[in-house]
Amino acid sequence: MILITRQEAIEQNLKYYFTGIMCPKNHISKRLVSNSGCYECRKEANTRRKKTEKYKKMMRDAARKRRENKEFASLEQEKQKKYRNTDKYRLSVRKYNNNYKKNNRDKYNVYDANREAAKKNRTPLWLSEQDKREIKLIYKIAARVSKETGIDHHVDHEIPLQGEFVSGLHVPDNLQLLTAKENMIKNNGFSI
């Protein structure tokens, strides 16, 4: 982990910081910015709490309430869905993801490498030079449209490269230009 003080973490709006100093229970772990608590101590406390009968009863009661009152459960889900479709939620997620990506570059390097490998595996050998030029052109257009409009645009695979049920190919006919917002909503799915 990268050494960072609590004050620096506050300035960067991070959730955790790491000083490398041992906590009273001998953990060398990241700490919460909100209360300077040790992450490992908190994890252990949560594990102990989840094993208590009081917690188990509370979870059983909540599950029973959702089973008995289907309307309550669907209203709860609808409320969450509406909140997730707000720009406020998306901005908070983007901010969190950017900070996480900055502080966990190693994990993202692995993700990027896997993504590129998947793209290569889904690029057929029969692609012509014209097809390859078209693919490059689509990415250039996305960059130009993003720059001109000020709205991020992504090149999306209509049928995802790593779909749950079916996987598409990295070919010009499977590419489309979407705004970043539309692409994030689409996620790794596709519609027929």
N, C-alpha and C. Protein backbone atom coordinates (compact mmCIF):
# COMPACT_ATOMS: atom_id res chain seq x y z
N MET A 1 0.84 -1.20 0.00
CA MET A 1 0.00 0.00 0.00
C MET A 1 0.88 1.24 0.00
N ILE A 2 0.33 2.31 -0.52
CA ILE A 2 1.03 3.58 -0.58
C ILE A 2 0.83 4.31 0.74
N LEU A 3 1.91 4.85 1.29
CA LEU A 3 1.79 5.61 2.53
C LEU A 3 1.11 6.93 2.24
N ILE A 4 0.10 7.24 3.06
CA ILE A 4 -0.64 8.49 2.91
C ILE A 4 -1.20 8.87 4.28
N THR A 5 -1.09 10.14 4.62
CA THR A 5 -1.58 10.59 5.92
C THR A 5 -3.09 10.77 5.87
N ARG A 6 -3.68 10.88 7.03
CA ARG A 6 -5.13 11.07 7.11
C ARG A 6 -5.52 12.40 6.46
N GLN A 7 -4.71 13.45 6.70
CA GLN A 7 -5.01 14.76 6.14
C GLN A 7 -4.97 14.74 4.61
N GLU A 8 -3.98 14.03 4.05
CA GLU A 8 -3.89 13.92 2.59
C GLU A 8 -5.09 13.15 2.04
N ALA A 9 -5.51 12.12 2.77
CA ALA A 9 -6.67 11.33 2.35
C ALA A 9 -7.94 12.18 2.38
N ILE A 10 -8.06 13.04 3.40
CA ILE A 10 -9.22 13.94 3.50
C ILE A 10 -9.23 14.89 2.31
N GLU A 11 -8.07 15.45 1.99
CA GLU A 11 -7.97 16.39 0.86
C GLU A 11 -8.32 15.73 -0.46
N GLN A 12 -8.02 14.42 -0.60
CA GLN A 12 -8.30 13.71 -1.84
C GLN A 12 -9.66 13.00 -1.82
N ASN A 13 -10.43 13.23 -0.75
CA ASN A 13 -11.76 12.61 -0.58
C ASN A 13 -11.69 11.08 -0.63
N LEU A 14 -10.69 10.52 0.01
CA LEU A 14 -10.55 9.07 0.07
C LEU A 14 -11.25 8.53 1.31
N LYS A 15 -11.61 7.28 1.28
CA LYS A 15 -12.28 6.64 2.40
C LYS A 15 -11.26 6.09 3.40
N TYR A 16 -10.06 5.72 2.91
CA TYR A 16 -9.04 5.11 3.75
C TYR A 16 -7.69 5.83 3.59
N TYR A 17 -6.84 5.64 4.58
CA TYR A 17 -5.46 6.10 4.49
C TYR A 17 -4.58 5.03 5.11
N PHE A 18 -3.27 5.13 4.87
CA PHE A 18 -2.35 4.10 5.36
C PHE A 18 -1.05 4.75 5.82
N THR A 19 -0.72 4.54 7.10
CA THR A 19 0.51 5.13 7.65
C THR A 19 1.60 4.09 7.88
N GLY A 20 1.22 2.83 7.87
CA GLY A 20 2.19 1.77 8.13
C GLY A 20 2.43 1.54 9.62
N ILE A 21 1.68 2.26 10.46
CA ILE A 21 1.82 2.13 11.92
C ILE A 21 0.85 1.07 12.42
N MET A 22 1.31 0.26 13.37
CA MET A 22 0.51 -0.83 13.92
C MET A 22 -0.61 -0.28 14.82
N CYS A 23 -1.78 -0.93 14.74
CA CYS A 23 -2.88 -0.57 15.64
C CYS A 23 -2.67 -1.29 16.98
N PRO A 24 -3.46 -0.98 18.01
CA PRO A 24 -3.29 -1.64 19.31
C PRO A 24 -3.42 -3.17 19.26
N LYS A 25 -4.10 -3.70 18.22
CA LYS A 25 -4.24 -5.15 18.11
C LYS A 25 -3.22 -5.74 17.12
N ASN A 26 -2.16 -4.98 16.87
CA ASN A 26 -1.03 -5.41 16.04
C ASN A 26 -1.35 -5.63 14.56
N HIS A 27 -2.32 -4.90 14.02
CA HIS A 27 -2.59 -4.96 12.59
C HIS A 27 -1.84 -3.82 11.91
N ILE A 28 -1.19 -4.12 10.82
CA ILE A 28 -0.65 -3.06 9.96
C ILE A 28 -1.58 -3.03 8.76
N SER A 29 -2.55 -2.13 8.83
CA SER A 29 -3.63 -2.12 7.86
C SER A 29 -4.04 -0.68 7.55
N LYS A 30 -4.85 -0.53 6.49
CA LYS A 30 -5.38 0.79 6.19
C LYS A 30 -6.34 1.20 7.31
N ARG A 31 -6.56 2.51 7.41
CA ARG A 31 -7.46 3.04 8.44
C ARG A 31 -8.55 3.88 7.82
N LEU A 32 -9.68 3.93 8.49
CA LEU A 32 -10.80 4.72 8.02
C LEU A 32 -10.53 6.21 8.25
N VAL A 33 -10.79 7.01 7.24
CA VAL A 33 -10.61 8.46 7.39
C VAL A 33 -11.62 9.00 8.38
N SER A 34 -12.84 8.46 8.37
CA SER A 34 -13.91 8.99 9.22
C SER A 34 -13.61 8.95 10.70
N ASN A 35 -12.98 7.85 11.19
CA ASN A 35 -12.74 7.75 12.63
C ASN A 35 -11.35 7.23 12.99
N SER A 36 -10.48 7.12 12.02
CA SER A 36 -9.10 6.62 12.21
C SER A 36 -9.05 5.17 12.68
N GLY A 37 -10.16 4.45 12.58
CA GLY A 37 -10.20 3.06 13.02
C GLY A 37 -9.48 2.13 12.06
N CYS A 38 -8.92 1.09 12.60
CA CYS A 38 -8.20 0.08 11.82
C CYS A 38 -9.19 -0.75 11.00
N TYR A 39 -8.91 -0.92 9.73
CA TYR A 39 -9.78 -1.67 8.84
C TYR A 39 -9.91 -3.13 9.27
N GLU A 40 -8.80 -3.76 9.64
CA GLU A 40 -8.82 -5.16 10.06
C GLU A 40 -9.61 -5.35 11.35
N CYS A 41 -9.44 -4.40 12.31
CA CYS A 41 -10.21 -4.48 13.56
C CYS A 41 -11.70 -4.39 13.27
N ARG A 42 -12.06 -3.49 12.35
CA ARG A 42 -13.47 -3.31 11.98
C ARG A 42 -14.01 -4.58 11.32
N LYS A 43 -13.20 -5.19 10.46
CA LYS A 43 -13.61 -6.42 9.79
C LYS A 43 -13.85 -7.54 10.80
N GLU A 44 -12.95 -7.66 11.77
CA GLU A 44 -13.10 -8.68 12.81
C GLU A 44 -14.36 -8.43 13.65
N ALA A 45 -14.60 -7.15 13.98
CA ALA A 45 -15.78 -6.81 14.78
C ALA A 45 -17.06 -7.14 14.02
N ASN A 46 -17.08 -6.85 12.72
CA ASN A 46 -18.25 -7.16 11.90
C ASN A 46 -18.48 -8.66 11.80
N THR A 47 -17.39 -9.42 11.69
CA THR A 47 -17.51 -10.88 11.63
C THR A 47 -18.10 -11.41 12.94
N ARG A 48 -17.61 -10.89 14.07
CA ARG A 48 -18.15 -11.30 15.37
C ARG A 48 -19.62 -10.92 15.50
N ARG A 49 -19.97 -9.71 15.06
CA ARG A 49 -21.34 -9.22 15.16
C ARG A 49 -22.28 -10.10 14.33
N LYS A 50 -21.84 -10.51 13.14
CA LYS A 50 -22.69 -11.32 12.27
C LYS A 50 -22.94 -12.71 12.84
N LYS A 51 -22.11 -13.13 13.76
CA LYS A 51 -22.29 -14.45 14.38
C LYS A 51 -23.22 -14.40 15.58
N THR A 52 -23.58 -13.20 16.03
CA THR A 52 -24.44 -13.09 17.22
C THR A 52 -25.87 -13.46 16.87
N GLU A 53 -26.59 -13.95 17.85
CA GLU A 53 -27.98 -14.35 17.65
C GLU A 53 -28.85 -13.13 17.34
N LYS A 54 -28.54 -11.99 17.93
CA LYS A 54 -29.30 -10.77 17.71
C LYS A 54 -29.25 -10.38 16.22
N TYR A 55 -28.07 -10.42 15.63
CA TYR A 55 -27.90 -10.07 14.21
C TYR A 55 -28.65 -11.08 13.33
N LYS A 56 -28.49 -12.38 13.63
CA LYS A 56 -29.15 -13.41 12.83
C LYS A 56 -30.66 -13.25 12.88
N LYS A 57 -31.19 -12.92 14.07
CA LYS A 57 -32.63 -12.71 14.22
C LYS A 57 -33.08 -11.51 13.39
N MET A 58 -32.29 -10.43 13.45
CA MET A 58 -32.63 -9.23 12.69
C MET A 58 -32.68 -9.54 11.18
N MET A 59 -31.73 -10.31 10.68
CA MET A 59 -31.70 -10.66 9.27
C MET A 59 -32.87 -11.58 8.90
N ARG A 60 -33.20 -12.53 9.78
CA ARG A 60 -34.35 -13.41 9.53
C ARG A 60 -35.64 -12.61 9.48
N ASP A 61 -35.78 -11.65 10.42
CA ASP A 61 -36.99 -10.82 10.46
C ASP A 61 -37.11 -9.97 9.20
N ALA A 62 -36.01 -9.42 8.74
CA ALA A 62 -36.03 -8.59 7.54
C ALA A 62 -36.40 -9.43 6.32
N ALA A 63 -35.84 -10.64 6.23
CA ALA A 63 -36.16 -11.53 5.11
C ALA A 63 -37.62 -11.94 5.15
N ARG A 64 -38.13 -12.24 6.35
CA ARG A 64 -39.54 -12.61 6.51
C ARG A 64 -40.44 -11.46 6.09
N LYS A 65 -40.08 -10.25 6.49
CA LYS A 65 -40.87 -9.06 6.15
C LYS A 65 -40.94 -8.89 4.63
N ARG A 66 -39.79 -9.10 3.94
CA ARG A 66 -39.78 -8.98 2.48
C ARG A 66 -40.62 -10.08 1.83
N ARG A 67 -40.56 -11.31 2.39
CA ARG A 67 -41.34 -12.42 1.83
C ARG A 67 -42.83 -12.19 2.01
N GLU A 68 -43.20 -11.73 3.21
CA GLU A 68 -44.62 -11.54 3.52
C GLU A 68 -45.21 -10.33 2.80
N ASN A 69 -44.41 -9.32 2.62
CA ASN A 69 -44.90 -8.09 2.03
C ASN A 69 -44.18 -7.83 0.70
N LYS A 70 -44.65 -8.48 -0.34
CA LYS A 70 -44.02 -8.36 -1.67
C LYS A 70 -44.04 -6.92 -2.16
N GLU A 71 -45.10 -6.19 -1.82
CA GLU A 71 -45.21 -4.80 -2.25
C GLU A 71 -44.09 -3.96 -1.62
N PHE A 72 -43.82 -4.20 -0.34
CA PHE A 72 -42.75 -3.48 0.34
C PHE A 72 -41.41 -3.76 -0.33
N ALA A 73 -41.16 -5.03 -0.65
CA ALA A 73 -39.90 -5.41 -1.29
C ALA A 73 -39.76 -4.76 -2.66
N SER A 74 -40.84 -4.77 -3.44
CA SER A 74 -40.75 -4.17 -4.78
C SER A 74 -40.60 -2.66 -4.71
N LEU A 75 -41.26 -2.02 -3.72
CA LEU A 75 -41.09 -0.58 -3.54
C LEU A 75 -39.64 -0.25 -3.15
N GLU A 76 -39.08 -1.09 -2.29
CA GLU A 76 -37.69 -0.90 -1.86
C GLU A 76 -36.74 -1.01 -3.06
N GLN A 77 -36.97 -2.03 -3.89
CA GLN A 77 -36.14 -2.22 -5.08
C GLN A 77 -36.30 -1.07 -6.06
N GLU A 78 -37.54 -0.61 -6.24
CA GLU A 78 -37.81 0.49 -7.17
C GLU A 78 -37.13 1.78 -6.70
N LYS A 79 -37.16 2.02 -5.39
CA LYS A 79 -36.51 3.20 -4.81
C LYS A 79 -35.00 3.15 -5.07
N GLN A 80 -34.39 1.98 -4.87
CA GLN A 80 -32.95 1.83 -5.13
C GLN A 80 -32.64 2.02 -6.60
N LYS A 81 -33.48 1.48 -7.46
CA LYS A 81 -33.27 1.59 -8.90
C LYS A 81 -33.33 3.05 -9.35
N LYS A 82 -34.32 3.80 -8.82
CA LYS A 82 -34.44 5.22 -9.17
C LYS A 82 -33.21 6.00 -8.71
N TYR A 83 -32.74 5.70 -7.51
CA TYR A 83 -31.56 6.41 -6.99
C TYR A 83 -30.33 6.11 -7.85
N ARG A 84 -30.19 4.87 -8.28
CA ARG A 84 -29.01 4.50 -9.09
C ARG A 84 -29.03 5.16 -10.46
N ASN A 85 -30.20 5.61 -10.91
CA ASN A 85 -30.29 6.28 -12.20
C ASN A 85 -30.13 7.80 -12.10
N THR A 86 -29.75 8.30 -10.94
CA THR A 86 -29.55 9.74 -10.80
C THR A 86 -28.10 10.11 -11.11
N ASP A 87 -27.92 11.33 -11.59
CA ASP A 87 -26.57 11.81 -11.87
C ASP A 87 -25.75 11.93 -10.59
N LYS A 88 -26.42 12.26 -9.48
CA LYS A 88 -25.72 12.37 -8.20
C LYS A 88 -25.06 11.04 -7.84
N TYR A 89 -25.80 9.94 -8.01
CA TYR A 89 -25.26 8.61 -7.71
C TYR A 89 -24.10 8.29 -8.65
N ARG A 90 -24.29 8.54 -9.94
CA ARG A 90 -23.24 8.23 -10.92
C ARG A 90 -21.97 9.02 -10.63
N LEU A 91 -22.12 10.30 -10.28
CA LEU A 91 -20.94 11.11 -9.96
C LEU A 91 -20.22 10.59 -8.73
N SER A 92 -20.99 10.17 -7.72
CA SER A 92 -20.34 9.65 -6.50
C SER A 92 -19.62 8.35 -6.80
N VAL A 93 -20.22 7.50 -7.64
CA VAL A 93 -19.57 6.24 -8.01
C VAL A 93 -18.32 6.51 -8.83
N ARG A 94 -18.42 7.45 -9.77
CA ARG A 94 -17.26 7.78 -10.61
C ARG A 94 -16.11 8.32 -9.76
N LYS A 95 -16.44 9.19 -8.81
CA LYS A 95 -15.42 9.76 -7.93
C LYS A 95 -14.75 8.66 -7.11
N TYR A 96 -15.57 7.77 -6.56
CA TYR A 96 -15.03 6.65 -5.77
C TYR A 96 -14.15 5.76 -6.65
N ASN A 97 -14.65 5.42 -7.84
CA ASN A 97 -13.89 4.55 -8.74
C ASN A 97 -12.57 5.17 -9.17
N ASN A 98 -12.58 6.47 -9.44
CA ASN A 98 -11.33 7.14 -9.84
C ASN A 98 -10.30 7.10 -8.71
N ASN A 99 -10.75 7.36 -7.49
CA ASN A 99 -9.83 7.30 -6.35
C ASN A 99 -9.33 5.87 -6.13
N TYR A 100 -10.24 4.91 -6.25
CA TYR A 100 -9.85 3.51 -6.07
C TYR A 100 -8.84 3.11 -7.13
N LYS A 101 -9.12 3.52 -8.37
CA LYS A 101 -8.23 3.18 -9.48
C LYS A 101 -6.84 3.78 -9.26
N LYS A 102 -6.81 5.01 -8.77
CA LYS A 102 -5.54 5.69 -8.52
C LYS A 102 -4.74 4.97 -7.43
N ASN A 103 -5.41 4.46 -6.42
CA ASN A 103 -4.73 3.83 -5.29
C ASN A 103 -4.55 2.32 -5.45
N ASN A 104 -5.12 1.75 -6.50
CA ASN A 104 -5.00 0.31 -6.74
C ASN A 104 -4.62 0.05 -8.20
N ARG A 105 -3.63 0.77 -8.66
CA ARG A 105 -3.23 0.70 -10.06
C ARG A 105 -2.88 -0.74 -10.48
N ASP A 106 -2.30 -1.51 -9.57
CA ASP A 106 -1.93 -2.88 -9.89
C ASP A 106 -3.14 -3.72 -10.31
N LYS A 107 -4.25 -3.57 -9.59
CA LYS A 107 -5.46 -4.32 -9.92
C LYS A 107 -6.02 -3.90 -11.28
N TYR A 108 -5.96 -2.60 -11.55
CA TYR A 108 -6.47 -2.12 -12.83
C TYR A 108 -5.57 -2.51 -13.99
N ASN A 109 -4.28 -2.62 -13.74
CA ASN A 109 -3.37 -3.10 -14.79
C ASN A 109 -3.74 -4.52 -15.18
N VAL A 110 -4.05 -5.35 -14.19
CA VAL A 110 -4.48 -6.73 -14.46
C VAL A 110 -5.81 -6.72 -15.23
N TYR A 111 -6.75 -5.87 -14.79
CA TYR A 111 -8.04 -5.77 -15.47
C TYR A 111 -7.86 -5.34 -16.92
N ASP A 112 -7.03 -4.29 -17.14
CA ASP A 112 -6.80 -3.80 -18.50
C ASP A 112 -6.15 -4.88 -19.37
N ALA A 113 -5.19 -5.61 -18.80
CA ALA A 113 -4.51 -6.67 -19.55
C ALA A 113 -5.50 -7.77 -19.92
N ASN A 114 -6.38 -8.14 -18.98
CA ASN A 114 -7.39 -9.16 -19.27
C ASN A 114 -8.37 -8.69 -20.33
N ARG A 115 -8.74 -7.42 -20.26
CA ARG A 115 -9.67 -6.84 -21.24
C ARG A 115 -9.05 -6.86 -22.64
N GLU A 116 -7.79 -6.45 -22.72
CA GLU A 116 -7.09 -6.46 -24.02
C GLU A 116 -6.94 -7.88 -24.55
N ALA A 117 -6.65 -8.82 -23.66
CA ALA A 117 -6.51 -10.23 -24.08
C ALA A 117 -7.85 -10.74 -24.61
N ALA A 118 -8.94 -10.38 -23.93
CA ALA A 118 -10.27 -10.80 -24.38
C ALA A 118 -10.57 -10.22 -25.76
N LYS A 119 -10.18 -8.95 -25.94
CA LYS A 119 -10.42 -8.30 -27.22
C LYS A 119 -9.63 -9.02 -28.32
N LYS A 120 -8.38 -9.36 -28.02
CA LYS A 120 -7.57 -10.08 -29.01
C LYS A 120 -8.17 -11.45 -29.31
N ASN A 121 -8.63 -12.14 -28.27
CA ASN A 121 -9.23 -13.46 -28.46
C ASN A 121 -10.53 -13.39 -29.24
N ARG A 122 -11.21 -12.25 -29.19
CA ARG A 122 -12.48 -12.09 -29.88
C ARG A 122 -12.32 -11.35 -31.21
N THR A 123 -11.06 -11.10 -31.63
CA THR A 123 -10.79 -10.49 -32.93
C THR A 123 -10.46 -11.62 -33.90
N PRO A 124 -11.34 -11.86 -34.88
CA PRO A 124 -11.12 -12.99 -35.79
C PRO A 124 -9.92 -12.77 -36.71
N LEU A 125 -9.27 -13.86 -37.08
CA LEU A 125 -8.11 -13.80 -37.97
C LEU A 125 -8.51 -13.40 -39.39
N TRP A 126 -9.78 -13.60 -39.74
CA TRP A 126 -10.22 -13.29 -41.09
C TRP A 126 -10.52 -11.81 -41.33
N LEU A 127 -10.29 -10.96 -40.33
CA LEU A 127 -10.53 -9.51 -40.51
C LEU A 127 -9.62 -8.98 -41.61
N SER A 128 -10.19 -8.22 -42.51
CA SER A 128 -9.40 -7.62 -43.58
C SER A 128 -8.73 -6.34 -43.08
N GLU A 129 -7.79 -5.82 -43.85
CA GLU A 129 -7.14 -4.55 -43.49
C GLU A 129 -8.18 -3.43 -43.46
N GLN A 130 -9.16 -3.49 -44.38
CA GLN A 130 -10.24 -2.50 -44.40
C GLN A 130 -11.03 -2.54 -43.09
N ASP A 131 -11.34 -3.74 -42.59
CA ASP A 131 -12.06 -3.88 -41.32
C ASP A 131 -11.25 -3.27 -40.17
N LYS A 132 -9.96 -3.53 -40.17
CA LYS A 132 -9.09 -2.99 -39.11
C LYS A 132 -9.06 -1.47 -39.17
N ARG A 133 -9.04 -0.91 -40.39
CA ARG A 133 -9.06 0.56 -40.52
C ARG A 133 -10.39 1.13 -40.03
N GLU A 134 -11.49 0.42 -40.33
CA GLU A 134 -12.81 0.86 -39.86
C GLU A 134 -12.87 0.89 -38.33
N ILE A 135 -12.31 -0.13 -37.68
CA ILE A 135 -12.30 -0.18 -36.21
C ILE A 135 -11.54 1.02 -35.65
N LYS A 136 -10.35 1.30 -36.20
CA LYS A 136 -9.56 2.45 -35.75
C LYS A 136 -10.34 3.75 -35.97
N LEU A 137 -11.02 3.84 -37.10
CA LEU A 137 -11.79 5.05 -37.42
C LEU A 137 -12.92 5.26 -36.41
N ILE A 138 -13.59 4.19 -36.03
CA ILE A 138 -14.68 4.31 -35.05
C ILE A 138 -14.15 4.85 -33.72
N TYR A 139 -12.98 4.38 -33.27
CA TYR A 139 -12.38 4.88 -32.03
C TYR A 139 -11.97 6.35 -32.18
N LYS A 140 -11.46 6.73 -33.37
CA LYS A 140 -11.10 8.14 -33.61
C LYS A 140 -12.34 9.03 -33.57
N ILE A 141 -13.42 8.55 -34.17
CA ILE A 141 -14.67 9.31 -34.18
C ILE A 141 -15.17 9.51 -32.75
N ALA A 142 -15.09 8.47 -31.94
CA ALA A 142 -15.53 8.57 -30.54
C ALA A 142 -14.72 9.64 -29.80
N ALA A 143 -13.41 9.65 -30.03
CA ALA A 143 -12.56 10.65 -29.37
C ALA A 143 -12.90 12.05 -29.86
N ARG A 144 -13.13 12.20 -31.17
CA ARG A 144 -13.45 13.52 -31.72
C ARG A 144 -14.80 14.02 -31.22
N VAL A 145 -15.80 13.14 -31.21
CA VAL A 145 -17.14 13.53 -30.74
C VAL A 145 -17.08 13.93 -29.27
N SER A 146 -16.32 13.18 -28.47
CA SER A 146 -16.17 13.50 -27.05
C SER A 146 -15.56 14.88 -26.88
N LYS A 147 -14.53 15.17 -27.68
CA LYS A 147 -13.84 16.46 -27.57
C LYS A 147 -14.75 17.60 -28.02
N GLU A 148 -15.48 17.40 -29.12
CA GLU A 148 -16.31 18.47 -29.67
C GLU A 148 -17.55 18.76 -28.82
N THR A 149 -18.16 17.71 -28.25
CA THR A 149 -19.39 17.90 -27.48
C THR A 149 -19.14 18.14 -26.00
N GLY A 150 -17.97 17.71 -25.53
CA GLY A 150 -17.69 17.81 -24.10
C GLY A 150 -18.36 16.70 -23.30
N ILE A 151 -18.97 15.75 -24.00
CA ILE A 151 -19.63 14.60 -23.37
C ILE A 151 -18.81 13.37 -23.73
N ASP A 152 -18.43 12.60 -22.71
CA ASP A 152 -17.65 11.39 -22.95
C ASP A 152 -18.44 10.40 -23.79
N HIS A 153 -17.81 9.89 -24.83
CA HIS A 153 -18.40 8.85 -25.67
C HIS A 153 -17.50 7.62 -25.65
N HIS A 154 -18.12 6.45 -25.67
CA HIS A 154 -17.39 5.18 -25.67
C HIS A 154 -17.72 4.41 -26.94
N VAL A 155 -16.78 3.58 -27.35
CA VAL A 155 -17.07 2.60 -28.39
C VAL A 155 -17.51 1.34 -27.66
N ASP A 156 -18.72 0.93 -27.95
CA ASP A 156 -19.32 -0.19 -27.23
C ASP A 156 -19.49 -1.37 -28.18
N HIS A 157 -19.38 -2.56 -27.63
CA HIS A 157 -19.67 -3.78 -28.39
C HIS A 157 -21.15 -4.10 -28.18
N GLU A 158 -21.93 -4.07 -29.26
CA GLU A 158 -23.37 -4.34 -29.14
C GLU A 158 -23.60 -5.68 -28.44
N ILE A 159 -22.90 -6.70 -28.91
CA ILE A 159 -22.90 -7.99 -28.22
C ILE A 159 -21.57 -8.03 -27.46
N PRO A 160 -21.60 -8.02 -26.14
CA PRO A 160 -20.37 -7.88 -25.34
C PRO A 160 -19.33 -8.96 -25.65
N LEU A 161 -18.06 -8.58 -25.50
CA LEU A 161 -16.97 -9.53 -25.73
C LEU A 161 -16.98 -10.64 -24.69
N GLN A 162 -17.42 -10.31 -23.48
CA GLN A 162 -17.44 -11.29 -22.40
C GLN A 162 -18.84 -11.37 -21.81
N GLY A 163 -19.82 -11.62 -22.68
CA GLY A 163 -21.21 -11.69 -22.23
C GLY A 163 -21.46 -12.90 -21.36
N GLU A 164 -22.51 -12.83 -20.58
CA GLU A 164 -22.84 -13.93 -19.67
C GLU A 164 -23.33 -15.16 -20.44
N PHE A 165 -24.15 -14.93 -21.48
CA PHE A 165 -24.73 -16.05 -22.21
C PHE A 165 -24.16 -16.20 -23.62
N VAL A 166 -23.75 -15.10 -24.21
CA VAL A 166 -23.20 -15.12 -25.56
C VAL A 166 -22.13 -14.04 -25.65
N SER A 167 -21.10 -14.29 -26.44
CA SER A 167 -20.02 -13.32 -26.59
C SER A 167 -19.90 -12.92 -28.05
N GLY A 168 -19.72 -11.62 -28.27
CA GLY A 168 -19.60 -11.10 -29.63
C GLY A 168 -18.15 -11.05 -30.06
N LEU A 169 -17.96 -10.52 -31.27
CA LEU A 169 -16.62 -10.40 -31.83
C LEU A 169 -16.21 -8.94 -31.88
N HIS A 170 -14.91 -8.71 -31.93
CA HIS A 170 -14.38 -7.35 -32.07
C HIS A 170 -14.25 -7.06 -33.57
N VAL A 171 -15.40 -6.76 -34.17
CA VAL A 171 -15.48 -6.48 -35.60
C VAL A 171 -16.28 -5.19 -35.78
N PRO A 172 -16.11 -4.50 -36.92
CA PRO A 172 -16.80 -3.22 -37.11
C PRO A 172 -18.32 -3.29 -36.96
N ASP A 173 -18.93 -4.38 -37.44
CA ASP A 173 -20.40 -4.49 -37.36
C ASP A 173 -20.92 -4.65 -35.94
N ASN A 174 -20.04 -4.99 -35.00
CA ASN A 174 -20.46 -5.17 -33.60
C ASN A 174 -20.15 -3.94 -32.76
N LEU A 175 -19.64 -2.87 -33.37
CA LEU A 175 -19.27 -1.67 -32.62
C LEU A 175 -20.32 -0.59 -32.80
N GLN A 176 -20.55 0.16 -31.73
CA GLN A 176 -21.46 1.29 -31.79
C GLN A 176 -20.94 2.39 -30.89
N LEU A 177 -21.33 3.62 -31.19
CA LEU A 177 -20.91 4.77 -30.41
C LEU A 177 -22.01 5.10 -29.41
N LEU A 178 -21.66 5.12 -28.12
CA LEU A 178 -22.61 5.46 -27.05
C LEU A 178 -22.01 6.52 -26.15
N THR A 179 -22.86 7.29 -25.49
CA THR A 179 -22.33 8.18 -24.47
C THR A 179 -21.85 7.30 -23.32
N ALA A 180 -20.93 7.83 -22.53
CA ALA A 180 -20.40 7.06 -21.40
C ALA A 180 -21.54 6.65 -20.47
N LYS A 181 -22.50 7.55 -20.27
CA LYS A 181 -23.63 7.27 -19.39
C LYS A 181 -24.44 6.07 -19.91
N GLU A 182 -24.74 6.10 -21.22
CA GLU A 182 -25.50 4.99 -21.81
C GLU A 182 -24.73 3.67 -21.72
N ASN A 183 -23.42 3.77 -21.95
CA ASN A 183 -22.59 2.57 -21.91
C ASN A 183 -22.53 1.98 -20.50
N MET A 184 -22.45 2.84 -19.48
CA MET A 184 -22.40 2.35 -18.11
C MET A 184 -23.75 1.71 -17.72
N ILE A 185 -24.84 2.27 -18.21
CA ILE A 185 -26.16 1.69 -17.92
C ILE A 185 -26.27 0.32 -18.60
N LYS A 186 -25.80 0.23 -19.84
CA LYS A 186 -25.84 -1.02 -20.60
C LYS A 186 -25.00 -2.09 -19.92
N ASN A 187 -23.88 -1.68 -19.35
CA ASN A 187 -22.95 -2.55 -18.65
C ASN A 187 -22.47 -3.64 -19.59
N ASN A 188 -22.59 -4.89 -19.22
CA ASN A 188 -22.08 -6.00 -20.03
C ASN A 188 -23.23 -6.77 -20.67
N GLY A 189 -24.32 -6.07 -20.94
CA GLY A 189 -25.49 -6.74 -21.49
C GLY A 189 -25.78 -6.30 -22.91
N PHE A 190 -26.80 -6.89 -23.50
CA PHE A 190 -27.26 -6.47 -24.81
C PHE A 190 -28.72 -6.80 -24.94
N SER A 191 -29.40 -6.10 -25.83
CA SER A 191 -30.83 -6.37 -26.04
C SER A 191 -31.04 -6.80 -27.48
N ILE A 192 -32.01 -7.65 -27.66
CA ILE A 192 -32.30 -8.18 -29.01
C ILE A 192 -33.35 -7.31 -29.67
